Amino acid sequence: MQWLLLALLTALCLAFYNFFIKLAADHISAAAGAVILQLVAAALGGLWLLWLRLKGQPLEVSGKGAGLAIAAGLGVGLAEILTFVVFSRGVPSSVGTPVIVGGSVLLTAVLGLVVLREALSWPQALGLVSIVVGIALLARGH
């Protein structure tokens, strides 16, 4: 599967993730919602790991890889909790999700530029500026 198609499928999954958090936020506490979400995600990941193991695929784990995965888990866990809190405060999905996701894209790009010393073309820089403008417009209207 081409990377772009896979990336768009990932975006669809993240859209469902944010949409269902928005729907759930009025019916469950942020802590309970985040724990249930994380348990389901862990179970899904566990099933995938088991399936790969049963297929005989080698599963490499290094200390550095595990540490970075733990750091990513902390980030996503906090993001899930905070997303529930944001939506429980009445922020519309059409505003909160673009601010959260757009902000994430922007900050990840900045980390890539500063920490990983990645390059950025002018069209890509213009895309990031567009995200900043979009976040400002969305936040201003609410």
N, C-alpha and C. Protein backbone atom coordinates (compact mmCIF):
# COMPACT_ATOMS: atom_id res chain seq x y z
N MET A 1 0.86 -1.18 0.00
CA MET A 1 0.00 0.00 0.00
C MET A 1 0.89 1.24 0.00
N GLN A 2 0.60 2.16 -0.88
CA GLN A 2 1.37 3.40 -0.93
C GLN A 2 1.26 4.15 0.40
N TRP A 3 2.32 4.89 0.73
CA TRP A 3 2.33 5.57 2.02
C TRP A 3 1.21 6.59 2.13
N LEU A 4 0.86 7.28 1.06
CA LEU A 4 -0.17 8.32 1.14
C LEU A 4 -1.53 7.71 1.44
N LEU A 5 -1.86 6.61 0.79
CA LEU A 5 -3.12 5.93 1.06
C LEU A 5 -3.17 5.44 2.51
N LEU A 6 -2.07 4.89 2.97
CA LEU A 6 -1.98 4.44 4.36
C LEU A 6 -2.11 5.63 5.33
N ALA A 7 -1.49 6.75 4.98
CA ALA A 7 -1.59 7.95 5.82
C ALA A 7 -3.02 8.48 5.86
N LEU A 8 -3.72 8.44 4.73
CA LEU A 8 -5.12 8.89 4.70
C LEU A 8 -6.02 7.96 5.50
N LEU A 9 -5.74 6.66 5.46
CA LEU A 9 -6.48 5.71 6.29
C LEU A 9 -6.24 5.99 7.77
N THR A 10 -5.00 6.31 8.10
CA THR A 10 -4.66 6.69 9.48
C THR A 10 -5.43 7.95 9.88
N ALA A 11 -5.50 8.91 9.00
CA ALA A 11 -6.25 10.15 9.28
C ALA A 11 -7.73 9.83 9.52
N LEU A 12 -8.28 8.91 8.75
CA LEU A 12 -9.67 8.50 8.95
C LEU A 12 -9.85 7.89 10.34
N CYS A 13 -8.92 7.04 10.74
CA CYS A 13 -8.99 6.43 12.08
C CYS A 13 -8.89 7.50 13.16
N LEU A 14 -7.99 8.48 12.98
CA LEU A 14 -7.88 9.57 13.96
C LEU A 14 -9.14 10.44 13.98
N ALA A 15 -9.78 10.59 12.82
CA ALA A 15 -11.03 11.34 12.78
C ALA A 15 -12.10 10.63 13.61
N PHE A 16 -12.22 9.32 13.45
CA PHE A 16 -13.17 8.56 14.26
C PHE A 16 -12.82 8.66 15.74
N TYR A 17 -11.54 8.58 16.05
CA TYR A 17 -11.05 8.70 17.43
C TYR A 17 -11.54 10.02 18.04
N ASN A 18 -11.27 11.14 17.37
CA ASN A 18 -11.68 12.44 17.90
C ASN A 18 -13.19 12.60 17.93
N PHE A 19 -13.87 12.12 16.91
CA PHE A 19 -15.32 12.23 16.84
C PHE A 19 -15.99 11.47 17.98
N PHE A 20 -15.52 10.25 18.24
CA PHE A 20 -16.15 9.46 19.30
C PHE A 20 -15.78 9.97 20.69
N ILE A 21 -14.61 10.57 20.84
CA ILE A 21 -14.31 11.21 22.12
C ILE A 21 -15.27 12.37 22.34
N LYS A 22 -15.53 13.15 21.29
CA LYS A 22 -16.48 14.27 21.41
C LYS A 22 -17.85 13.77 21.84
N LEU A 23 -18.32 12.69 21.20
CA LEU A 23 -19.64 12.15 21.56
C LEU A 23 -19.65 11.60 22.98
N ALA A 24 -18.56 10.96 23.40
CA ALA A 24 -18.50 10.35 24.72
C ALA A 24 -18.34 11.36 25.84
N ALA A 25 -17.72 12.50 25.56
CA ALA A 25 -17.34 13.46 26.60
C ALA A 25 -18.51 13.94 27.46
N ASP A 26 -19.71 13.95 26.91
CA ASP A 26 -20.88 14.38 27.68
C ASP A 26 -21.50 13.25 28.50
N HIS A 27 -20.97 12.05 28.35
CA HIS A 27 -21.59 10.88 28.99
C HIS A 27 -20.65 10.10 29.89
N ILE A 28 -19.41 10.55 30.06
CA ILE A 28 -18.43 9.82 30.86
C ILE A 28 -17.39 10.81 31.36
N SER A 29 -16.82 10.55 32.53
CA SER A 29 -15.77 11.43 33.02
C SER A 29 -14.53 11.27 32.15
N ALA A 30 -13.72 12.31 32.11
CA ALA A 30 -12.51 12.28 31.28
C ALA A 30 -11.60 11.13 31.67
N ALA A 31 -11.44 10.90 32.97
CA ALA A 31 -10.55 9.83 33.43
C ALA A 31 -11.07 8.45 33.03
N ALA A 32 -12.37 8.21 33.25
CA ALA A 32 -12.94 6.90 32.89
C ALA A 32 -12.91 6.69 31.38
N GLY A 33 -13.24 7.73 30.62
CA GLY A 33 -13.22 7.63 29.17
C GLY A 33 -11.83 7.33 28.65
N ALA A 34 -10.83 8.02 29.20
CA ALA A 34 -9.45 7.80 28.76
C ALA A 34 -8.98 6.39 29.09
N VAL A 35 -9.32 5.89 30.27
CA VAL A 35 -8.89 4.54 30.65
C VAL A 35 -9.54 3.50 29.75
N ILE A 36 -10.84 3.63 29.51
CA ILE A 36 -11.53 2.67 28.64
C ILE A 36 -10.92 2.72 27.24
N LEU A 37 -10.71 3.91 26.72
CA LEU A 37 -10.10 4.08 25.40
C LEU A 37 -8.74 3.40 25.36
N GLN A 38 -7.91 3.62 26.37
CA GLN A 38 -6.57 3.06 26.39
C GLN A 38 -6.58 1.55 26.54
N LEU A 39 -7.52 1.02 27.31
CA LEU A 39 -7.63 -0.44 27.45
C LEU A 39 -7.99 -1.09 26.12
N VAL A 40 -8.92 -0.48 25.40
CA VAL A 40 -9.31 -1.02 24.09
C VAL A 40 -8.13 -0.93 23.13
N ALA A 41 -7.42 0.20 23.13
CA ALA A 41 -6.27 0.37 22.25
C ALA A 41 -5.17 -0.64 22.60
N ALA A 42 -4.94 -0.86 23.89
CA ALA A 42 -3.93 -1.85 24.31
C ALA A 42 -4.32 -3.26 23.89
N ALA A 43 -5.60 -3.58 24.01
CA ALA A 43 -6.07 -4.90 23.59
C ALA A 43 -5.88 -5.09 22.09
N LEU A 44 -6.20 -4.07 21.32
CA LEU A 44 -6.03 -4.14 19.87
C LEU A 44 -4.55 -4.32 19.52
N GLY A 45 -3.69 -3.55 20.16
CA GLY A 45 -2.25 -3.69 19.95
C GLY A 45 -1.75 -5.07 20.36
N GLY A 46 -2.28 -5.58 21.47
CA GLY A 46 -1.90 -6.92 21.92
C GLY A 46 -2.30 -8.01 20.93
N LEU A 47 -3.49 -7.87 20.35
CA LEU A 47 -3.94 -8.83 19.34
C LEU A 47 -3.05 -8.77 18.09
N TRP A 48 -2.67 -7.57 17.69
CA TRP A 48 -1.78 -7.42 16.53
C TRP A 48 -0.42 -8.06 16.81
N LEU A 49 0.12 -7.81 18.01
CA LEU A 49 1.39 -8.40 18.42
C LEU A 49 1.32 -9.92 18.43
N LEU A 50 0.24 -10.47 18.97
CA LEU A 50 0.04 -11.92 19.00
C LEU A 50 -0.04 -12.47 17.58
N TRP A 51 -0.79 -11.82 16.70
CA TRP A 51 -0.94 -12.27 15.32
C TRP A 51 0.42 -12.31 14.62
N LEU A 52 1.22 -11.25 14.81
CA LEU A 52 2.55 -11.21 14.20
C LEU A 52 3.44 -12.33 14.76
N ARG A 53 3.34 -12.56 16.05
CA ARG A 53 4.14 -13.63 16.70
C ARG A 53 3.74 -15.00 16.18
N LEU A 54 2.43 -15.23 16.03
CA LEU A 54 1.95 -16.51 15.51
C LEU A 54 2.39 -16.73 14.07
N LYS A 55 2.57 -15.65 13.31
CA LYS A 55 3.06 -15.75 11.94
C LYS A 55 4.56 -15.99 11.90
N GLY A 56 5.21 -15.96 13.06
CA GLY A 56 6.65 -16.18 13.13
C GLY A 56 7.49 -14.96 12.79
N GLN A 57 6.86 -13.80 12.76
CA GLN A 57 7.60 -12.58 12.44
C GLN A 57 8.45 -12.17 13.64
N PRO A 58 9.73 -11.88 13.41
CA PRO A 58 10.58 -11.44 14.53
C PRO A 58 10.11 -10.08 15.04
N LEU A 59 10.09 -9.94 16.34
CA LEU A 59 9.64 -8.70 16.98
C LEU A 59 10.80 -8.11 17.77
N GLU A 60 11.52 -7.21 17.14
CA GLU A 60 12.70 -6.62 17.77
C GLU A 60 12.28 -5.55 18.78
N VAL A 61 12.95 -5.56 19.93
CA VAL A 61 12.72 -4.55 20.95
C VAL A 61 14.08 -4.18 21.53
N SER A 62 14.40 -2.91 21.46
CA SER A 62 15.63 -2.42 22.08
C SER A 62 15.23 -1.55 23.27
N GLY A 63 16.16 -1.31 24.14
CA GLY A 63 15.89 -0.44 25.28
C GLY A 63 15.51 0.96 24.84
N LYS A 64 16.21 1.47 23.84
CA LYS A 64 15.89 2.81 23.33
C LYS A 64 14.51 2.83 22.69
N GLY A 65 14.20 1.81 21.89
CA GLY A 65 12.88 1.74 21.25
C GLY A 65 11.76 1.66 22.28
N ALA A 66 11.96 0.84 23.33
CA ALA A 66 10.95 0.72 24.38
C ALA A 66 10.79 2.04 25.13
N GLY A 67 11.89 2.70 25.41
CA GLY A 67 11.82 3.99 26.12
C GLY A 67 11.08 5.04 25.31
N LEU A 68 11.36 5.09 24.02
CA LEU A 68 10.68 6.06 23.16
C LEU A 68 9.20 5.71 23.01
N ALA A 69 8.87 4.41 22.96
CA ALA A 69 7.47 4.00 22.90
C ALA A 69 6.75 4.38 24.19
N ILE A 70 7.42 4.27 25.32
CA ILE A 70 6.84 4.68 26.60
C ILE A 70 6.57 6.19 26.59
N ALA A 71 7.54 6.96 26.09
CA ALA A 71 7.35 8.41 26.01
C ALA A 71 6.16 8.75 25.11
N ALA A 72 6.04 8.04 23.98
CA ALA A 72 4.90 8.27 23.09
C ALA A 72 3.59 7.90 23.78
N GLY A 73 3.61 6.81 24.55
CA GLY A 73 2.42 6.40 25.30
C GLY A 73 2.00 7.45 26.32
N LEU A 74 2.97 8.04 26.99
CA LEU A 74 2.66 9.12 27.93
C LEU A 74 2.01 10.30 27.20
N GLY A 75 2.58 10.63 26.04
CA GLY A 75 2.02 11.73 25.26
C GLY A 75 0.60 11.46 24.81
N VAL A 76 0.34 10.28 24.27
CA VAL A 76 -1.01 9.98 23.77
C VAL A 76 -1.99 9.82 24.93
N GLY A 77 -1.53 9.26 26.05
CA GLY A 77 -2.42 9.14 27.21
C GLY A 77 -2.87 10.49 27.72
N LEU A 78 -1.92 11.42 27.85
CA LEU A 78 -2.27 12.77 28.28
C LEU A 78 -3.14 13.47 27.24
N ALA A 79 -2.84 13.25 25.96
CA ALA A 79 -3.64 13.86 24.91
C ALA A 79 -5.08 13.36 24.96
N GLU A 80 -5.26 12.07 25.22
CA GLU A 80 -6.62 11.52 25.31
C GLU A 80 -7.38 12.14 26.47
N ILE A 81 -6.75 12.20 27.62
CA ILE A 81 -7.40 12.79 28.80
C ILE A 81 -7.77 14.24 28.52
N LEU A 82 -6.83 15.00 27.99
CA LEU A 82 -7.08 16.42 27.72
C LEU A 82 -8.12 16.62 26.63
N THR A 83 -8.18 15.72 25.65
CA THR A 83 -9.21 15.83 24.62
C THR A 83 -10.59 15.64 25.23
N PHE A 84 -10.73 14.66 26.13
CA PHE A 84 -12.00 14.49 26.84
C PHE A 84 -12.35 15.76 27.63
N VAL A 85 -11.38 16.35 28.30
CA VAL A 85 -11.63 17.56 29.09
C VAL A 85 -12.05 18.71 28.18
N VAL A 86 -11.35 18.90 27.07
CA VAL A 86 -11.70 19.98 26.13
C VAL A 86 -13.14 19.83 25.67
N PHE A 87 -13.51 18.63 25.22
CA PHE A 87 -14.85 18.43 24.69
C PHE A 87 -15.92 18.45 25.77
N SER A 88 -15.56 18.08 27.00
CA SER A 88 -16.55 18.15 28.08
C SER A 88 -16.87 19.59 28.45
N ARG A 89 -16.06 20.52 27.99
CA ARG A 89 -16.31 21.95 28.25
C ARG A 89 -17.12 22.60 27.14
N GLY A 90 -17.69 21.77 26.27
CA GLY A 90 -18.61 22.29 25.27
C GLY A 90 -17.99 22.78 23.97
N VAL A 91 -16.72 22.56 23.78
CA VAL A 91 -16.08 22.99 22.54
C VAL A 91 -16.61 22.12 21.40
N PRO A 92 -17.07 22.73 20.32
CA PRO A 92 -17.56 21.94 19.19
C PRO A 92 -16.45 21.10 18.57
N SER A 93 -16.81 19.94 18.08
CA SER A 93 -15.85 19.07 17.41
C SER A 93 -15.22 19.76 16.21
N SER A 94 -16.01 20.58 15.52
CA SER A 94 -15.53 21.27 14.32
C SER A 94 -14.50 22.35 14.64
N VAL A 95 -14.36 22.71 15.91
CA VAL A 95 -13.36 23.68 16.33
C VAL A 95 -12.23 22.99 17.10
N GLY A 96 -12.59 22.20 18.09
CA GLY A 96 -11.60 21.56 18.96
C GLY A 96 -10.68 20.61 18.22
N THR A 97 -11.25 19.77 17.38
CA THR A 97 -10.42 18.79 16.68
C THR A 97 -9.40 19.43 15.75
N PRO A 98 -9.78 20.41 14.91
CA PRO A 98 -8.75 21.04 14.07
C PRO A 98 -7.67 21.77 14.87
N VAL A 99 -8.05 22.36 15.99
CA VAL A 99 -7.04 23.04 16.81
C VAL A 99 -6.09 22.02 17.42
N ILE A 100 -6.63 20.93 17.96
CA ILE A 100 -5.80 19.90 18.58
C ILE A 100 -4.91 19.22 17.52
N VAL A 101 -5.52 18.77 16.44
CA VAL A 101 -4.76 18.04 15.42
C VAL A 101 -3.81 18.98 14.68
N GLY A 102 -4.30 20.16 14.31
CA GLY A 102 -3.44 21.12 13.63
C GLY A 102 -2.27 21.56 14.50
N GLY A 103 -2.57 21.80 15.78
CA GLY A 103 -1.50 22.16 16.71
C GLY A 103 -0.48 21.05 16.86
N SER A 104 -0.96 19.81 16.88
CA SER A 104 -0.07 18.66 16.96
C SER A 104 0.83 18.57 15.73
N VAL A 105 0.25 18.76 14.56
CA VAL A 105 1.02 18.73 13.31
C VAL A 105 2.08 19.83 13.33
N LEU A 106 1.68 21.02 13.72
CA LEU A 106 2.60 22.15 13.75
C LEU A 106 3.75 21.90 14.73
N LEU A 107 3.43 21.48 15.94
CA LEU A 107 4.47 21.26 16.95
C LEU A 107 5.38 20.09 16.59
N THR A 108 4.82 19.05 15.97
CA THR A 108 5.65 17.93 15.52
C THR A 108 6.60 18.39 14.43
N ALA A 109 6.13 19.23 13.52
CA ALA A 109 7.00 19.76 12.47
C ALA A 109 8.13 20.59 13.06
N VAL A 110 7.80 21.42 14.06
CA VAL A 110 8.83 22.24 14.71
C VAL A 110 9.86 21.35 15.40
N LEU A 111 9.39 20.30 16.08
CA LEU A 111 10.33 19.36 16.71
C LEU A 111 11.22 18.68 15.66
N GLY A 112 10.63 18.31 14.52
CA GLY A 112 11.41 17.71 13.45
C GLY A 112 12.47 18.66 12.93
N LEU A 113 12.11 19.92 12.79
CA LEU A 113 13.06 20.93 12.30
C LEU A 113 14.18 21.20 13.31
N VAL A 114 13.80 21.39 14.57
CA VAL A 114 14.76 21.81 15.59
C VAL A 114 15.58 20.63 16.12
N VAL A 115 14.90 19.56 16.51
CA VAL A 115 15.59 18.43 17.15
C VAL A 115 16.23 17.49 16.13
N LEU A 116 15.47 17.14 15.09
CA LEU A 116 15.98 16.17 14.11
C LEU A 116 16.70 16.84 12.94
N ARG A 117 16.69 18.18 12.92
CA ARG A 117 17.34 18.96 11.87
C ARG A 117 16.84 18.59 10.46
N GLU A 118 15.53 18.38 10.35
CA GLU A 118 14.92 18.07 9.06
C GLU A 118 14.80 19.35 8.23
N ALA A 119 14.78 19.18 6.94
CA ALA A 119 14.66 20.32 6.02
C ALA A 119 13.18 20.58 5.72
N LEU A 120 12.90 21.82 5.32
CA LEU A 120 11.53 22.21 4.99
C LEU A 120 11.57 23.07 3.73
N SER A 121 10.75 22.70 2.74
CA SER A 121 10.68 23.49 1.51
C SER A 121 9.73 24.68 1.73
N TRP A 122 9.76 25.63 0.81
CA TRP A 122 8.86 26.79 0.92
C TRP A 122 7.39 26.40 0.90
N PRO A 123 6.96 25.49 0.01
CA PRO A 123 5.55 25.08 0.06
C PRO A 123 5.17 24.42 1.38
N GLN A 124 6.09 23.64 1.95
CA GLN A 124 5.81 23.01 3.25
C GLN A 124 5.73 24.07 4.35
N ALA A 125 6.64 25.05 4.31
CA ALA A 125 6.60 26.14 5.29
C ALA A 125 5.30 26.92 5.17
N LEU A 126 4.85 27.14 3.95
CA LEU A 126 3.57 27.83 3.73
C LEU A 126 2.41 27.01 4.31
N GLY A 127 2.48 25.69 4.19
CA GLY A 127 1.47 24.82 4.79
C GLY A 127 1.43 24.98 6.30
N LEU A 128 2.60 25.05 6.94
CA LEU A 128 2.65 25.24 8.39
C LEU A 128 2.12 26.60 8.80
N VAL A 129 2.44 27.62 8.03
CA VAL A 129 1.89 28.96 8.31
C VAL A 129 0.37 28.93 8.17
N SER A 130 -0.14 28.20 7.19
CA SER A 130 -1.59 28.05 7.02
C SER A 130 -2.22 27.40 8.24
N ILE A 131 -1.53 26.45 8.84
CA ILE A 131 -2.05 25.82 10.06
C ILE A 131 -2.14 26.84 11.18
N VAL A 132 -1.12 27.67 11.33
CA VAL A 132 -1.13 28.71 12.37
C VAL A 132 -2.31 29.66 12.16
N VAL A 133 -2.50 30.09 10.91
CA VAL A 133 -3.61 30.99 10.60
C VAL A 133 -4.94 30.30 10.87
N GLY A 134 -5.06 29.04 10.48
CA GLY A 134 -6.29 28.28 10.73
C GLY A 134 -6.62 28.14 12.20
N ILE A 135 -5.60 27.82 13.00
CA ILE A 135 -5.82 27.70 14.45
C ILE A 135 -6.26 29.04 15.02
N ALA A 136 -5.62 30.13 14.59
CA ALA A 136 -5.98 31.46 15.09
C ALA A 136 -7.43 31.80 14.74
N LEU A 137 -7.83 31.50 13.52
CA LEU A 137 -9.21 31.78 13.09
C LEU A 137 -10.23 30.94 13.84
N LEU A 138 -9.93 29.67 14.02
CA LEU A 138 -10.84 28.78 14.74
C LEU A 138 -10.97 29.19 16.20
N ALA A 139 -9.86 29.48 16.85
CA ALA A 139 -9.88 29.84 18.27
C ALA A 139 -10.57 31.19 18.48
N ARG A 140 -10.45 32.08 17.52
CA ARG A 140 -11.05 33.41 17.64
C ARG A 140 -12.56 33.35 17.58
N GLY A 141 -13.08 32.45 16.76
CA GLY A 141 -14.52 32.37 16.59
C GLY A 141 -15.25 31.68 17.72
N HIS A 142 -14.52 31.08 18.64
CA HIS A 142 -15.21 30.34 19.72
C HIS A 142 -14.99 31.00 21.03
